[in-house]
Amino acid sequence: MSEKRFSDPRLAYHLWYEFLRRAKESDNPEVLAAMEASEEFYEAWDLVPYQDFDTWWEKNDMLFEEMDYVRELEPGELPEDNRSLILEIPLYKSPTQLTKEVGAIIQAAYQKRGKTGKKDKRTSRALFHLSAGSEPKLGVLVNILAIYDIWRFNKMLSSEELLEEIQKHFLSGYPNKQLSEIPAPFRPRKNVDIVGDKLRMLKNVREYRDRGEKIVLNVANGLFPGE
């Protein structure tokens, strides 16, 4: 999988969903306490045990829809976002002329904000949204989830044994079993010190495992992926 950032929101929410399932199955007291505290926060997700993401998404995708949209205000109504642009549009003019004038005003407003042609970066106003400013690459998150799953079902294994299981996991779906299928953090390098390279991979095993635990806790607290 290409290690893109959150360019595919649906995949990002799929990962959130999967990490939340892990949080609900966790035996970590800190995670359990966080899940209890966030029960009301996740109530709208209407989670069903063992339900696959695609089925769940069909019924709940609206939870992640942006609430920012262009709309007509009622007389005396204030905008919901104080960064919105309020216009007075005389409807006796032609639509062509109005479109031109409104476009010029919008462009001028962007220039005034110093962000000409760029989307204003701020927190999403969807009911549920990804953590702002802390988006790791999607491919990395997928691998963290895979390593976390391998570890949580094999907690008695040593780091070296866990590394072997990780390598087997990434080779299992490929008949040619090429090392290139193993993510770089867990793939042996060529023409390097073998001992040093082994230590590098073992360090990455521990790092990905710990990051998995951290994300599970973040999700239990209502954040994804979190700090």
C-alpha atoms as a PDB file:
ATOM      1  CA  MET A   1       0.000   0.000   0.000  1.00  0.00           C
ATOM      2  CA  SER A   2       1.251   3.471  -0.853  1.00  0.00           C
ATOM      3  CA  GLU A   3       2.116   5.455   2.269  1.00  0.00           C
ATOM      4  CA  LYS A   4      -0.149   8.396   1.534  1.00  0.00           C
ATOM      5  CA  ARG A   5      -1.464  10.761   4.143  1.00  0.00           C
ATOM      6  CA  PHE A   6      -5.198  11.087   4.691  1.00  0.00           C
ATOM      7  CA  SER A   7      -5.967  11.638   0.997  1.00  0.00           C
ATOM      8  CA  ASP A   8      -8.546   8.837   1.250  1.00  0.00           C
ATOM      9  CA  PRO A   9     -10.790   9.823   4.195  1.00  0.00           C
ATOM     10  CA  ARG A  10     -12.788   6.591   4.004  1.00  0.00           C
ATOM     11  CA  LEU A  11      -9.660   4.509   4.639  1.00  0.00           C
ATOM     12  CA  ALA A  12      -8.709   6.778   7.528  1.00  0.00           C
ATOM     13  CA  TYR A  13     -12.135   6.255   9.122  1.00  0.00           C
ATOM     14  CA  HIS A  14     -11.853   2.531   8.466  1.00  0.00           C
ATOM     15  CA  LEU A  15      -8.645   2.525  10.499  1.00  0.00           C
ATOM     16  CA  TRP A  16     -10.332   4.532  13.269  1.00  0.00           C
ATOM     17  CA  TYR A  17     -13.112   1.938  13.307  1.00  0.00           C
ATOM     18  CA  GLU A  18     -10.617  -0.940  13.533  1.00  0.00           C
ATOM     19  CA  PHE A  19      -8.596   0.681  16.314  1.00  0.00           C
ATOM     20  CA  LEU A  20     -11.834   1.333  18.214  1.00  0.00           C
ATOM     21  CA  ARG A  21     -12.700  -2.348  17.974  1.00  0.00           C
ATOM     22  CA  ARG A  22      -9.275  -3.154  19.455  1.00  0.00           C
ATOM     23  CA  ALA A  23      -9.908  -0.671  22.246  1.00  0.00           C
ATOM     24  CA  LYS A  24     -13.211  -2.364  23.099  1.00  0.00           C
ATOM     25  CA  GLU A  25     -11.400  -5.732  23.218  1.00  0.00           C
ATOM     26  CA  SER A  26      -8.453  -4.441  25.249  1.00  0.00           C
ATOM     27  CA  ASP A  27      -7.587  -5.737  28.715  1.00  0.00           C
ATOM     28  CA  ASN A  28      -5.505  -2.643  29.499  1.00  0.00           C
ATOM     29  CA  PRO A  29      -7.079  -0.956  32.565  1.00  0.00           C
ATOM     30  CA  GLU A  30      -6.238   2.510  31.229  1.00  0.00           C
ATOM     31  CA  VAL A  31      -7.935   1.772  27.924  1.00  0.00           C
ATOM     32  CA  LEU A  32     -10.964   0.238  29.651  1.00  0.00           C
ATOM     33  CA  ALA A  33     -11.347   3.304  31.866  1.00  0.00           C
ATOM     34  CA  ALA A  34     -11.085   5.598  28.854  1.00  0.00           C
ATOM     35  CA  MET A  35     -13.676   3.569  26.953  1.00  0.00           C
ATOM     36  CA  GLU A  36     -16.076   3.848  29.848  1.00  0.00           C
ATOM     37  CA  ALA A  37     -15.546   7.602  30.024  1.00  0.00           C
ATOM     38  CA  SER A  38     -16.103   8.011  26.252  1.00  0.00           C
ATOM     39  CA  GLU A  39     -19.178   5.772  26.051  1.00  0.00           C
ATOM     40  CA  GLU A  40     -21.468   8.738  25.414  1.00  0.00           C
ATOM     41  CA  PHE A  41     -19.043  10.166  22.819  1.00  0.00           C
ATOM     42  CA  TYR A  42     -19.202   6.973  20.732  1.00  0.00           C
ATOM     43  CA  GLU A  43     -22.908   6.324  21.277  1.00  0.00           C
ATOM     44  CA  ALA A  44     -23.788   7.753  17.858  1.00  0.00           C
ATOM     45  CA  TRP A  45     -21.525   5.186  16.162  1.00  0.00           C
ATOM     46  CA  ASP A  46     -24.050   2.472  17.043  1.00  0.00           C
ATOM     47  CA  LEU A  47     -21.388  -0.244  17.012  1.00  0.00           C
ATOM     48  CA  VAL A  48     -22.515  -3.817  16.483  1.00  0.00           C
ATOM     49  CA  PRO A  49     -20.163  -6.641  17.588  1.00  0.00           C
ATOM     50  CA  TYR A  50     -18.380  -8.362  14.671  1.00  0.00           C
ATOM     51  CA  GLN A  51     -19.976  -6.071  12.080  1.00  0.00           C
ATOM     52  CA  ASP A  52     -17.669  -5.375   9.146  1.00  0.00           C
ATOM     53  CA  PHE A  53     -16.723  -1.797   8.346  1.00  0.00           C
ATOM     54  CA  ASP A  54     -18.452  -1.597   4.947  1.00  0.00           C
ATOM     55  CA  THR A  55     -21.823  -2.542   6.435  1.00  0.00           C
ATOM     56  CA  TRP A  56     -21.338  -0.098   9.303  1.00  0.00           C
ATOM     57  CA  TRP A  57     -20.184   2.704   6.982  1.00  0.00           C
ATOM     58  CA  GLU A  58     -23.313   2.498   4.818  1.00  0.00           C
ATOM     59  CA  LYS A  59     -25.402   3.473   7.833  1.00  0.00           C
ATOM     60  CA  ASN A  60     -23.028   5.882   9.555  1.00  0.00           C
ATOM     61  CA  ASP A  61     -20.990   7.779   6.957  1.00  0.00           C
ATOM     62  CA  MET A  62     -22.986  10.935   7.726  1.00  0.00           C
ATOM     63  CA  LEU A  63     -21.193  11.175  11.086  1.00  0.00           C
ATOM     64  CA  PHE A  64     -18.077  12.311   9.237  1.00  0.00           C
ATOM     65  CA  GLU A  65     -19.634  14.777   6.800  1.00  0.00           C
ATOM     66  CA  GLU A  66     -18.423  18.356   6.984  1.00  0.00           C
ATOM     67  CA  MET A  67     -20.968  20.808   8.359  1.00  0.00           C
ATOM     68  CA  ASP A  68     -19.505  23.776   6.463  1.00  0.00           C
ATOM     69  CA  TYR A  69     -21.632  24.775   3.488  1.00  0.00           C
ATOM     70  CA  VAL A  70     -22.859  27.811   1.624  1.00  0.00           C
ATOM     71  CA  ARG A  71     -26.381  28.727   2.694  1.00  0.00           C
ATOM     72  CA  GLU A  72     -28.843  31.579   2.837  1.00  0.00           C
ATOM     73  CA  LEU A  73     -29.215  33.189   6.255  1.00  0.00           C
ATOM     74  CA  GLU A  74     -32.606  34.107   7.619  1.00  0.00           C
ATOM     75  CA  PRO A  75     -33.173  37.793   8.498  1.00  0.00           C
ATOM     76  CA  GLY A  76     -31.293  38.531  11.710  1.00  0.00           C
ATOM     77  CA  GLU A  77     -29.578  35.126  11.742  1.00  0.00           C
ATOM     78  CA  LEU A  78     -25.869  35.073  12.572  1.00  0.00           C
ATOM     79  CA  PRO A  79     -23.397  32.742  10.822  1.00  0.00           C
ATOM     80  CA  GLU A  80     -22.346  29.610  12.709  1.00  0.00           C
ATOM     81  CA  ASP A  81     -18.664  30.248  11.919  1.00  0.00           C
ATOM     82  CA  ASN A  82     -17.239  33.710  12.620  1.00  0.00           C
ATOM     83  CA  ARG A  83     -14.820  33.223   9.726  1.00  0.00           C
ATOM     84  CA  SER A  84     -17.671  33.118   7.234  1.00  0.00           C
ATOM     85  CA  LEU A  85     -18.077  35.890   4.691  1.00  0.00           C
ATOM     86  CA  ILE A  86     -21.411  37.722   4.874  1.00  0.00           C
ATOM     87  CA  LEU A  87     -22.661  39.344   1.668  1.00  0.00           C
ATOM     88  CA  GLU A  88     -25.525  41.583   0.605  1.00  0.00           C
ATOM     89  CA  ILE A  89     -26.613  40.539  -2.892  1.00  0.00           C
ATOM     90  CA  PRO A  90     -29.059  42.747  -4.824  1.00  0.00           C
ATOM     91  CA  LEU A  91     -31.226  40.319  -6.780  1.00  0.00           C
ATOM     92  CA  TYR A  92     -32.286  42.875  -9.405  1.00  0.00           C
ATOM     93  CA  LYS A  93     -28.915  42.345 -11.111  1.00  0.00           C
ATOM     94  CA  SER A  94     -28.356  39.521 -13.581  1.00  0.00           C
ATOM     95  CA  PRO A  95     -26.956  36.167 -12.329  1.00  0.00           C
ATOM     96  CA  THR A  96     -23.948  36.634 -14.612  1.00  0.00           C
ATOM     97  CA  GLN A  97     -23.096  40.022 -13.134  1.00  0.00           C
ATOM     98  CA  LEU A  98     -23.701  38.819  -9.581  1.00  0.00           C
ATOM     99  CA  THR A  99     -21.470  35.773 -10.080  1.00  0.00           C
ATOM    100  CA  LYS A 100     -18.673  38.028 -11.291  1.00  0.00           C
ATOM    101  CA  GLU A 101     -19.023  40.490  -8.427  1.00  0.00           C
ATOM    102  CA  VAL A 102     -19.334  37.819  -5.733  1.00  0.00           C
ATOM    103  CA  GLY A 103     -16.302  36.006  -7.123  1.00  0.00           C
ATOM    104  CA  ALA A 104     -14.246  39.199  -6.926  1.00  0.00           C
ATOM    105  CA  ILE A 105     -15.303  39.776  -3.313  1.00  0.00           C
ATOM    106  CA  ILE A 106     -14.386  36.215  -2.321  1.00  0.00           C
ATOM    107  CA  GLN A 107     -10.990  36.507  -4.012  1.00  0.00           C
ATOM    108  CA  ALA A 108     -10.328  39.801  -2.229  1.00  0.00           C
ATOM    109  CA  ALA A 109     -11.277  38.242   1.114  1.00  0.00           C
ATOM    110  CA  TYR A 110      -8.795  35.401   0.572  1.00  0.00           C
ATOM    111  CA  GLN A 111      -6.060  37.863  -0.318  1.00  0.00           C
ATOM    112  CA  LYS A 112      -6.789  39.836   2.819  1.00  0.00           C
ATOM    113  CA  ARG A 113      -6.356  36.675   4.891  1.00  0.00           C
ATOM    114  CA  GLY A 114      -3.044  36.006   3.190  1.00  0.00           C
ATOM    115  CA  LYS A 115      -4.186  32.620   1.847  1.00  0.00           C
ATOM    116  CA  THR A 116      -4.939  33.301  -1.789  1.00  0.00           C
ATOM    117  CA  GLY A 117      -6.070  30.153  -3.556  1.00  0.00           C
ATOM    118  CA  LYS A 118      -5.445  27.945  -0.498  1.00  0.00           C
ATOM    119  CA  LYS A 119      -7.892  26.218   1.786  1.00  0.00           C
ATOM    120  CA  ASP A 120      -7.934  27.637   5.286  1.00  0.00           C
ATOM    121  CA  LYS A 121      -6.387  25.067   7.605  1.00  0.00           C
ATOM    122  CA  ARG A 122      -8.484  24.570  10.705  1.00  0.00           C
ATOM    123  CA  THR A 123     -10.306  21.932  12.695  1.00  0.00           C
ATOM    124  CA  SER A 124     -13.038  20.081  10.856  1.00  0.00           C
ATOM    125  CA  ARG A 125     -16.640  20.816  11.865  1.00  0.00           C
ATOM    126  CA  ALA A 126     -17.864  17.290  11.193  1.00  0.00           C
ATOM    127  CA  LEU A 127     -19.398  15.504  14.189  1.00  0.00           C
ATOM    128  CA  PHE A 128     -16.371  13.181  14.190  1.00  0.00           C
ATOM    129  CA  HIS A 129     -13.112  14.193  12.581  1.00  0.00           C
ATOM    130  CA  LEU A 130      -9.463  13.203  12.492  1.00  0.00           C
ATOM    131  CA  SER A 131      -7.010  14.853  14.870  1.00  0.00           C
ATOM    132  CA  ALA A 132      -5.832  18.131  13.373  1.00  0.00           C
ATOM    133  CA  GLY A 133      -2.113  18.441  12.672  1.00  0.00           C
ATOM    134  CA  SER A 134      -1.140  14.892  13.669  1.00  0.00           C
ATOM    135  CA  GLU A 135      -1.840  12.853  10.539  1.00  0.00           C
ATOM    136  CA  PRO A 136       0.736  10.119   9.937  1.00  0.00           C
ATOM    137  CA  LYS A 137       0.845   8.317   6.598  1.00  0.00           C
ATOM    138  CA  LEU A 138      -1.967   5.885   5.918  1.00  0.00           C
ATOM    139  CA  GLY A 139       0.454   3.081   5.039  1.00  0.00           C
ATOM    140  CA  VAL A 140       2.210   3.552   8.366  1.00  0.00           C
ATOM    141  CA  LEU A 141      -1.105   3.357  10.241  1.00  0.00           C
ATOM    142  CA  VAL A 142      -2.033   0.169   8.383  1.00  0.00           C
ATOM    143  CA  ASN A 143       1.290  -1.387   9.386  1.00  0.00           C
ATOM    144  CA  ILE A 144       0.960  -0.208  12.989  1.00  0.00           C
ATOM    145  CA  LEU A 145      -2.445  -1.904  13.178  1.00  0.00           C
ATOM    146  CA  ALA A 146      -1.013  -5.122  11.704  1.00  0.00           C
ATOM    147  CA  ILE A 147       1.942  -5.172  14.118  1.00  0.00           C
ATOM    148  CA  TYR A 148      -0.340  -4.374  17.058  1.00  0.00           C
ATOM    149  CA  ASP A 149      -2.618  -7.296  16.136  1.00  0.00           C
ATOM    150  CA  ILE A 150       0.310  -9.697  15.846  1.00  0.00           C
ATOM    151  CA  TRP A 151       1.625  -8.574  19.216  1.00  0.00           C
ATOM    152  CA  ARG A 152      -1.690  -8.668  21.104  1.00  0.00           C
ATOM    153  CA  PHE A 153      -2.197 -12.321  20.175  1.00  0.00           C
ATOM    154  CA  ASN A 154       1.450 -13.212  20.888  1.00  0.00           C
ATOM    155  CA  LYS A 155       2.352 -11.198  23.976  1.00  0.00           C
ATOM    156  CA  MET A 156       4.518 -13.987  25.372  1.00  0.00           C
ATOM    157  CA  LEU A 157       6.900 -13.888  22.402  1.00  0.00           C
ATOM    158  CA  SER A 158      10.305 -12.273  22.652  1.00  0.00           C
ATOM    159  CA  SER A 159      11.114  -9.304  20.410  1.00  0.00           C
ATOM    160  CA  GLU A 160      13.072 -11.577  18.063  1.00  0.00           C
ATOM    161  CA  GLU A 161      10.218 -14.079  17.845  1.00  0.00           C
ATOM    162  CA  LEU A 162       7.770 -11.238  17.264  1.00  0.00           C
ATOM    163  CA  LEU A 163       9.948  -9.924  14.436  1.00  0.00           C
ATOM    164  CA  GLU A 164       9.833 -13.350  12.797  1.00  0.00           C
ATOM    165  CA  GLU A 165       6.033 -13.429  13.076  1.00  0.00           C
ATOM    166  CA  ILE A 166       5.805  -9.957  11.546  1.00  0.00           C
ATOM    167  CA  GLN A 167       7.973 -10.964   8.607  1.00  0.00           C
ATOM    168  CA  LYS A 168       5.917 -14.125   8.090  1.00  0.00           C
ATOM    169  CA  HIS A 169       2.715 -12.097   8.192  1.00  0.00           C
ATOM    170  CA  PHE A 170       3.763  -9.776   5.378  1.00  0.00           C
ATOM    171  CA  LEU A 171       5.025 -12.676   3.266  1.00  0.00           C
ATOM    172  CA  SER A 172       2.005 -14.911   3.805  1.00  0.00           C
ATOM    173  CA  GLY A 173      -0.143 -13.388   1.082  1.00  0.00           C
ATOM    174  CA  TYR A 174       2.496 -13.538  -1.622  1.00  0.00           C
ATOM    175  CA  PRO A 175       3.342 -16.844  -3.371  1.00  0.00           C
ATOM    176  CA  ASN A 176       6.820 -15.650  -4.385  1.00  0.00           C
ATOM    177  CA  LYS A 177       7.589 -14.614  -0.800  1.00  0.00           C
ATOM    178  CA  GLN A 178       9.892 -11.764  -1.807  1.00  0.00           C
ATOM    179  CA  LEU A 179      11.491  -9.739   0.974  1.00  0.00           C
ATOM    180  CA  SER A 180      10.364  -6.550  -0.773  1.00  0.00           C
ATOM    181  CA  GLU A 181       6.834  -7.292   0.472  1.00  0.00           C
ATOM    182  CA  ILE A 182       7.999  -6.708   4.053  1.00  0.00           C
ATOM    183  CA  PRO A 183       7.760  -3.051   5.148  1.00  0.00           C
ATOM    184  CA  ALA A 184      11.185  -1.399   5.277  1.00  0.00           C
ATOM    185  CA  PRO A 185      11.306  -1.090   9.109  1.00  0.00           C
ATOM    186  CA  PHE A 186      11.185  -4.917   9.393  1.00  0.00           C
ATOM    187  CA  ARG A 187      13.011  -5.880   6.205  1.00  0.00           C
ATOM    188  CA  PRO A 188      16.654  -7.054   6.378  1.00  0.00           C
ATOM    189  CA  ARG A 189      19.004  -4.751   4.510  1.00  0.00           C
ATOM    190  CA  LYS A 190      21.666  -5.954   2.124  1.00  0.00           C
ATOM    191  CA  ASN A 191      25.385  -5.347   2.517  1.00  0.00           C
ATOM    192  CA  VAL A 192      25.153  -3.997   6.058  1.00  0.00           C
ATOM    193  CA  ASP A 193      26.256  -5.134   9.501  1.00  0.00           C
ATOM    194  CA  ILE A 194      23.924  -8.049  10.303  1.00  0.00           C
ATOM    195  CA  VAL A 195      23.934  -7.486  14.058  1.00  0.00           C
ATOM    196  CA  GLY A 196      23.324  -3.765  13.747  1.00  0.00           C
ATOM    197  CA  ASP A 197      20.559  -4.336  11.230  1.00  0.00           C
ATOM    198  CA  LYS A 198      18.877  -6.841  13.533  1.00  0.00           C
ATOM    199  CA  LEU A 199      18.942  -4.298  16.352  1.00  0.00           C
ATOM    200  CA  ARG A 200      17.351  -1.737  14.017  1.00  0.00           C
ATOM    201  CA  MET A 201      14.480  -4.066  13.167  1.00  0.00           C
ATOM    202  CA  LEU A 202      13.935  -5.050  16.808  1.00  0.00           C
ATOM    203  CA  LYS A 203      13.809  -1.376  17.772  1.00  0.00           C
ATOM    204  CA  ASN A 204      11.182  -0.789  15.096  1.00  0.00           C
ATOM    205  CA  VAL A 205       9.134  -3.737  16.383  1.00  0.00           C
ATOM    206  CA  ARG A 206       8.983  -2.160  19.839  1.00  0.00           C
ATOM    207  CA  GLU A 207       8.266   1.289  18.393  1.00  0.00           C
ATOM    208  CA  TYR A 208       5.367   0.111  16.220  1.00  0.00           C
ATOM    209  CA  ARG A 209       3.948  -1.972  19.070  1.00  0.00           C
ATOM    210  CA  ASP A 210       4.089   1.025  21.420  1.00  0.00           C
ATOM    211  CA  ARG A 211       2.555   3.308  18.805  1.00  0.00           C
ATOM    212  CA  GLY A 212      -0.247   0.808  18.364  1.00  0.00           C
ATOM    213  CA  GLU A 213      -0.949   0.830  22.089  1.00  0.00           C
ATOM    214  CA  LYS A 214      -0.867   4.623  22.124  1.00  0.00           C
ATOM    215  CA  ILE A 215      -3.323   4.931  19.233  1.00  0.00           C
ATOM    216  CA  VAL A 216      -5.683   2.424  20.879  1.00  0.00           C
ATOM    217  CA  LEU A 217      -5.619   4.595  24.007  1.00  0.00           C
ATOM    218  CA  ASN A 218      -6.113   7.757  21.950  1.00  0.00           C
ATOM    219  CA  VAL A 219      -9.128   6.196  20.253  1.00  0.00           C
ATOM    220  CA  ALA A 220     -10.528   5.117  23.605  1.00  0.00           C
ATOM    221  CA  ASN A 221     -10.301   8.797  24.567  1.00  0.00           C
ATOM    222  CA  GLY A 222     -12.156   9.856  21.416  1.00  0.00           C
ATOM    223  CA  LEU A 223      -9.143  10.881  19.310  1.00  0.00           C
ATOM    224  CA  PHE A 224      -7.734   9.434  16.080  1.00  0.00           C
ATOM    225  CA  PRO A 225      -4.899   9.168  15.535  1.00  0.00           C
ATOM    226  CA  GLY A 226      -4.080  11.641  18.320  1.00  0.00           C
ATOM    227  CA  GLU A 227      -0.718  13.014  19.363  1.00  0.00           C
END
